[in-house]
Amino acid sequence: MNRVTLSLPIALALALPLTALAQTSADADTAASAASDAASAASAPDAAASDSAAAAKAFEQWDSAERQRIADGRAAANARYEQDRRDCWQRFAVNDCLNAARDRRRATQDALRHDELILNAQERQRRTAARLDEIAHKQAESAARNQSGNAQAPASSASSAAGAQ
């Protein structure tokens, strides 16, 4: 059974800084390129937002394909089990054959379930990171409003004090 390495899509989905991705990279050229990309992304929030949106879309496409692969694997395992079961009834040792067929199906389904649990964990991490980003953005907006409101309050009280005299 082919196992897919899940580390790159996790990094894309969570929109980790490109410098963190560069640290896991083996070649130094990629690291230098990622560091310069991270620096330009820090200076251009709109570009970072579009990169994040593109990474989220890429992750969703990958996630959908992986979930389809798991569903196809389950369907194939069930079809193979049914065929094995039919074949077992043609043999002398039916129970032993049926037990072996169930064991093969269970092993395949366990591996697919493991992959599905990993996908579910990645999805939770992605949603958590998105929600934390949303909360941080709202807190920053609230702090900016409070600071601009506090800056206007002394100016308005000074003008009202001058008008009272």
C-alpha atoms as a PDB file:
ATOM      1  CA  MET A   1       0.000   0.000   0.000  1.00  0.00           C
ATOM      2  CA  ASN A   2       1.327   3.431  -0.897  1.00  0.00           C
ATOM      3  CA  ARG A   3       1.666   5.826   2.029  1.00  0.00           C
ATOM      4  CA  VAL A   4       1.623   9.553   1.353  1.00  0.00           C
ATOM      5  CA  THR A   5       3.915  11.899   3.252  1.00  0.00           C
ATOM      6  CA  LEU A   6       1.696  14.466   4.888  1.00  0.00           C
ATOM      7  CA  SER A   7       4.215  17.038   6.135  1.00  0.00           C
ATOM      8  CA  LEU A   8       4.151  19.403   3.127  1.00  0.00           C
ATOM      9  CA  PRO A   9       0.353  19.783   2.956  1.00  0.00           C
ATOM     10  CA  ILE A  10       0.261  20.393   6.719  1.00  0.00           C
ATOM     11  CA  ALA A  11       2.743  23.222   6.310  1.00  0.00           C
ATOM     12  CA  LEU A  12       0.775  24.648   3.394  1.00  0.00           C
ATOM     13  CA  ALA A  13      -2.516  24.404   5.219  1.00  0.00           C
ATOM     14  CA  LEU A  14      -1.279  26.102   8.331  1.00  0.00           C
ATOM     15  CA  ALA A  15       0.428  28.798   6.278  1.00  0.00           C
ATOM     16  CA  LEU A  16       3.587  28.475   8.321  1.00  0.00           C
ATOM     17  CA  PRO A  17       6.188  31.116   7.714  1.00  0.00           C
ATOM     18  CA  LEU A  18       8.290  30.221   4.747  1.00  0.00           C
ATOM     19  CA  THR A  19      11.408  30.374   6.892  1.00  0.00           C
ATOM     20  CA  ALA A  20      10.095  27.446   8.948  1.00  0.00           C
ATOM     21  CA  LEU A  21       9.652  25.458   5.748  1.00  0.00           C
ATOM     22  CA  ALA A  22      13.159  26.428   4.699  1.00  0.00           C
ATOM     23  CA  GLN A  23      14.617  25.011   7.918  1.00  0.00           C
ATOM     24  CA  THR A  24      13.236  21.587   7.071  1.00  0.00           C
ATOM     25  CA  SER A  25      14.577  21.808   3.521  1.00  0.00           C
ATOM     26  CA  ALA A  26      17.817  20.037   2.744  1.00  0.00           C
ATOM     27  CA  ASP A  27      19.282  22.515   0.272  1.00  0.00           C
ATOM     28  CA  ALA A  28      20.492  25.999   1.189  1.00  0.00           C
ATOM     29  CA  ASP A  29      19.236  27.635  -2.015  1.00  0.00           C
ATOM     30  CA  THR A  30      15.679  26.873  -1.076  1.00  0.00           C
ATOM     31  CA  ALA A  31      16.307  28.280   2.398  1.00  0.00           C
ATOM     32  CA  ALA A  32      17.632  31.562   1.032  1.00  0.00           C
ATOM     33  CA  SER A  33      14.742  31.867  -1.396  1.00  0.00           C
ATOM     34  CA  ALA A  34      12.193  31.128   1.329  1.00  0.00           C
ATOM     35  CA  ALA A  35      13.750  33.706   3.663  1.00  0.00           C
ATOM     36  CA  SER A  36      13.527  36.406   1.013  1.00  0.00           C
ATOM     37  CA  ASP A  37       9.934  35.359   0.265  1.00  0.00           C
ATOM     38  CA  ALA A  38       9.119  35.589   3.968  1.00  0.00           C
ATOM     39  CA  ALA A  39      10.659  39.055   4.179  1.00  0.00           C
ATOM     40  CA  SER A  40       8.661  40.283   1.201  1.00  0.00           C
ATOM     41  CA  ALA A  41       5.500  38.672   2.606  1.00  0.00           C
ATOM     42  CA  ALA A  42       6.012  40.511   5.890  1.00  0.00           C
ATOM     43  CA  SER A  43       6.215  43.819   4.050  1.00  0.00           C
ATOM     44  CA  ALA A  44       3.160  43.090   1.899  1.00  0.00           C
ATOM     45  CA  PRO A  45       0.195  41.836   3.987  1.00  0.00           C
ATOM     46  CA  ASP A  46      -2.056  41.592   0.924  1.00  0.00           C
ATOM     47  CA  ALA A  47       0.433  39.289  -0.787  1.00  0.00           C
ATOM     48  CA  ALA A  48       0.645  37.156   2.360  1.00  0.00           C
ATOM     49  CA  ALA A  49      -3.135  36.919   2.487  1.00  0.00           C
ATOM     50  CA  SER A  50      -3.306  35.799  -1.138  1.00  0.00           C
ATOM     51  CA  ASP A  51      -0.517  33.257  -0.515  1.00  0.00           C
ATOM     52  CA  SER A  52      -2.450  31.991   2.492  1.00  0.00           C
ATOM     53  CA  ALA A  53      -5.631  31.720   0.435  1.00  0.00           C
ATOM     54  CA  ALA A  54      -3.773  29.867  -2.306  1.00  0.00           C
ATOM     55  CA  ALA A  55      -2.235  27.517   0.273  1.00  0.00           C
ATOM     56  CA  ALA A  56      -5.661  26.895   1.796  1.00  0.00           C
ATOM     57  CA  LYS A  57      -7.136  26.117  -1.617  1.00  0.00           C
ATOM     58  CA  ALA A  58      -4.242  23.787  -2.457  1.00  0.00           C
ATOM     59  CA  PHE A  59      -4.699  22.027   0.870  1.00  0.00           C
ATOM     60  CA  GLU A  60      -8.437  21.606   0.311  1.00  0.00           C
ATOM     61  CA  GLN A  61      -7.812  20.082  -3.127  1.00  0.00           C
ATOM     62  CA  TRP A  62      -5.192  17.741  -1.717  1.00  0.00           C
ATOM     63  CA  ASP A  63      -7.435  16.846   1.239  1.00  0.00           C
ATOM     64  CA  SER A  64     -10.341  16.092  -1.075  1.00  0.00           C
ATOM     65  CA  ALA A  65      -8.152  13.858  -3.247  1.00  0.00           C
ATOM     66  CA  GLU A  66      -6.827  12.012  -0.184  1.00  0.00           C
ATOM     67  CA  ARG A  67     -10.333  11.462   1.178  1.00  0.00           C
ATOM     68  CA  GLN A  68     -11.396  10.125  -2.219  1.00  0.00           C
ATOM     69  CA  ARG A  69      -8.374   7.800  -2.216  1.00  0.00           C
ATOM     70  CA  ILE A  70      -9.411   6.511   1.208  1.00  0.00           C
ATOM     71  CA  ALA A  71     -13.006   5.986   0.081  1.00  0.00           C
ATOM     72  CA  ASP A  72     -11.807   4.155  -3.035  1.00  0.00           C
ATOM     73  CA  GLY A  73      -9.489   2.021  -0.911  1.00  0.00           C
ATOM     74  CA  ARG A  74     -12.350   1.084   1.388  1.00  0.00           C
ATOM     75  CA  ALA A  75     -14.579   0.186  -1.543  1.00  0.00           C
ATOM     76  CA  ALA A  76     -11.801  -1.931  -3.060  1.00  0.00           C
ATOM     77  CA  ALA A  77     -11.147  -3.672   0.276  1.00  0.00           C
ATOM     78  CA  ASN A  78     -14.827  -4.492   0.671  1.00  0.00           C
ATOM     79  CA  ALA A  79     -15.088  -5.766  -2.905  1.00  0.00           C
ATOM     80  CA  ARG A  80     -11.952  -7.875  -2.434  1.00  0.00           C
ATOM     81  CA  TYR A  81     -13.375  -9.254   0.833  1.00  0.00           C
ATOM     82  CA  GLU A  82     -16.646 -10.216  -0.828  1.00  0.00           C
ATOM     83  CA  GLN A  83     -14.769 -11.963  -3.628  1.00  0.00           C
ATOM     84  CA  ASP A  84     -12.506 -13.746  -1.136  1.00  0.00           C
ATOM     85  CA  ARG A  85     -15.558 -14.806   0.839  1.00  0.00           C
ATOM     86  CA  ARG A  86     -17.169 -16.304  -2.247  1.00  0.00           C
ATOM     87  CA  ASP A  87     -13.919 -18.080  -3.074  1.00  0.00           C
ATOM     88  CA  CYS A  88     -13.659 -19.431   0.479  1.00  0.00           C
ATOM     89  CA  TRP A  89     -16.915 -21.312   0.118  1.00  0.00           C
ATOM     90  CA  GLN A  90     -15.303 -23.303  -2.706  1.00  0.00           C
ATOM     91  CA  ARG A  91     -12.538 -24.578  -0.405  1.00  0.00           C
ATOM     92  CA  PHE A  92     -12.442 -27.329   2.147  1.00  0.00           C
ATOM     93  CA  ALA A  93     -11.294 -25.183   5.137  1.00  0.00           C
ATOM     94  CA  VAL A  94     -13.979 -22.522   4.873  1.00  0.00           C
ATOM     95  CA  ASN A  95     -13.670 -20.970   8.355  1.00  0.00           C
ATOM     96  CA  ASP A  96      -9.910 -20.573   8.192  1.00  0.00           C
ATOM     97  CA  CYS A  97     -10.213 -18.968   4.773  1.00  0.00           C
ATOM     98  CA  LEU A  98     -12.973 -16.609   5.973  1.00  0.00           C
ATOM     99  CA  ASN A  99     -10.894 -15.614   8.997  1.00  0.00           C
ATOM    100  CA  ALA A 100      -7.907 -14.850   6.770  1.00  0.00           C
ATOM    101  CA  ALA A 101     -10.100 -12.776   4.431  1.00  0.00           C
ATOM    102  CA  ARG A 102     -11.491 -10.803   7.392  1.00  0.00           C
ATOM    103  CA  ASP A 103      -7.968 -10.235   8.707  1.00  0.00           C
ATOM    104  CA  ARG A 104      -6.806  -8.900   5.328  1.00  0.00           C
ATOM    105  CA  ARG A 105      -9.803  -6.569   5.121  1.00  0.00           C
ATOM    106  CA  ARG A 106      -9.308  -5.391   8.711  1.00  0.00           C
ATOM    107  CA  ALA A 107      -5.607  -4.649   8.093  1.00  0.00           C
ATOM    108  CA  THR A 108      -6.457  -2.612   4.994  1.00  0.00           C
ATOM    109  CA  GLN A 109      -9.249  -0.754   6.761  1.00  0.00           C
ATOM    110  CA  ASP A 110      -7.046  -0.049   9.774  1.00  0.00           C
ATOM    111  CA  ALA A 111      -4.397   1.543   7.547  1.00  0.00           C
ATOM    112  CA  LEU A 112      -7.057   3.611   5.769  1.00  0.00           C
ATOM    113  CA  ARG A 113      -8.577   4.646   9.106  1.00  0.00           C
ATOM    114  CA  HIS A 114      -5.136   5.736  10.292  1.00  0.00           C
ATOM    115  CA  ASP A 115      -4.757   7.901   7.190  1.00  0.00           C
ATOM    116  CA  GLU A 116      -8.241   9.333   7.750  1.00  0.00           C
ATOM    117  CA  LEU A 117      -7.429  10.210  11.356  1.00  0.00           C
ATOM    118  CA  ILE A 118      -4.320  12.053  10.182  1.00  0.00           C
ATOM    119  CA  LEU A 119      -6.410  14.001   7.662  1.00  0.00           C
ATOM    120  CA  ASN A 120      -8.957  14.852  10.353  1.00  0.00           C
ATOM    121  CA  ALA A 121      -6.196  16.072  12.673  1.00  0.00           C
ATOM    122  CA  GLN A 122      -4.751  18.235   9.898  1.00  0.00           C
ATOM    123  CA  GLU A 123      -8.175  19.714   9.200  1.00  0.00           C
ATOM    124  CA  ARG A 124      -8.626  20.539  12.891  1.00  0.00           C
ATOM    125  CA  GLN A 125      -5.189  22.166  12.982  1.00  0.00           C
ATOM    126  CA  ARG A 126      -5.975  24.194   9.870  1.00  0.00           C
ATOM    127  CA  ARG A 127      -9.311  25.384  11.252  1.00  0.00           C
ATOM    128  CA  THR A 128      -7.718  26.195  14.617  1.00  0.00           C
ATOM    129  CA  ALA A 129      -4.945  28.215  12.973  1.00  0.00           C
ATOM    130  CA  ALA A 130      -7.476  30.080  10.826  1.00  0.00           C
ATOM    131  CA  ARG A 131      -9.623  30.844  13.863  1.00  0.00           C
ATOM    132  CA  LEU A 132      -6.613  32.024  15.880  1.00  0.00           C
ATOM    133  CA  ASP A 133      -5.593  34.297  12.994  1.00  0.00           C
ATOM    134  CA  GLU A 134      -9.134  35.675  12.845  1.00  0.00           C
ATOM    135  CA  ILE A 135      -9.150  36.338  16.605  1.00  0.00           C
ATOM    136  CA  ALA A 136      -5.725  38.030  16.453  1.00  0.00           C
ATOM    137  CA  HIS A 137      -6.930  40.210  13.559  1.00  0.00           C
ATOM    138  CA  LYS A 138     -10.049  41.240  15.489  1.00  0.00           C
ATOM    139  CA  GLN A 139      -7.983  42.004  18.590  1.00  0.00           C
ATOM    140  CA  ALA A 140      -5.595  44.136  16.541  1.00  0.00           C
ATOM    141  CA  GLU A 141      -8.523  46.043  15.020  1.00  0.00           C
ATOM    142  CA  SER A 142     -10.054  46.553  18.459  1.00  0.00           C
ATOM    143  CA  ALA A 143      -6.749  47.788  19.881  1.00  0.00           C
ATOM    144  CA  ALA A 144      -6.344  50.188  16.937  1.00  0.00           C
ATOM    145  CA  ARG A 145      -9.863  51.554  17.494  1.00  0.00           C
ATOM    146  CA  ASN A 146      -9.219  51.969  21.214  1.00  0.00           C
ATOM    147  CA  GLN A 147      -5.955  53.815  20.570  1.00  0.00           C
ATOM    148  CA  SER A 148      -7.530  56.092  17.980  1.00  0.00           C
ATOM    149  CA  GLY A 149     -10.456  56.727  20.342  1.00  0.00           C
ATOM    150  CA  ASN A 150      -8.079  57.525  23.225  1.00  0.00           C
ATOM    151  CA  ALA A 151      -6.070  59.893  21.029  1.00  0.00           C
ATOM    152  CA  GLN A 152      -9.213  61.806  20.013  1.00  0.00           C
ATOM    153  CA  ALA A 153     -10.578  62.061  23.584  1.00  0.00           C
ATOM    154  CA  PRO A 154      -7.818  64.366  24.960  1.00  0.00           C
ATOM    155  CA  ALA A 155      -8.066  66.630  21.928  1.00  0.00           C
ATOM    156  CA  SER A 156     -11.844  66.988  22.287  1.00  0.00           C
ATOM    157  CA  SER A 157     -11.619  67.605  26.050  1.00  0.00           C
ATOM    158  CA  ALA A 158      -8.970  70.286  25.478  1.00  0.00           C
ATOM    159  CA  SER A 159     -11.182  72.074  22.941  1.00  0.00           C
ATOM    160  CA  SER A 160     -14.214  71.906  25.259  1.00  0.00           C
ATOM    161  CA  ALA A 161     -12.111  73.288  28.131  1.00  0.00           C
ATOM    162  CA  ALA A 162     -10.966  76.182  25.918  1.00  0.00           C
ATOM    163  CA  GLY A 163     -14.566  76.873  24.891  1.00  0.00           C
ATOM    164  CA  ALA A 164     -15.722  76.989  28.544  1.00  0.00           C
ATOM    165  CA  GLN A 165     -13.319  79.844  29.368  1.00  0.00           C
END
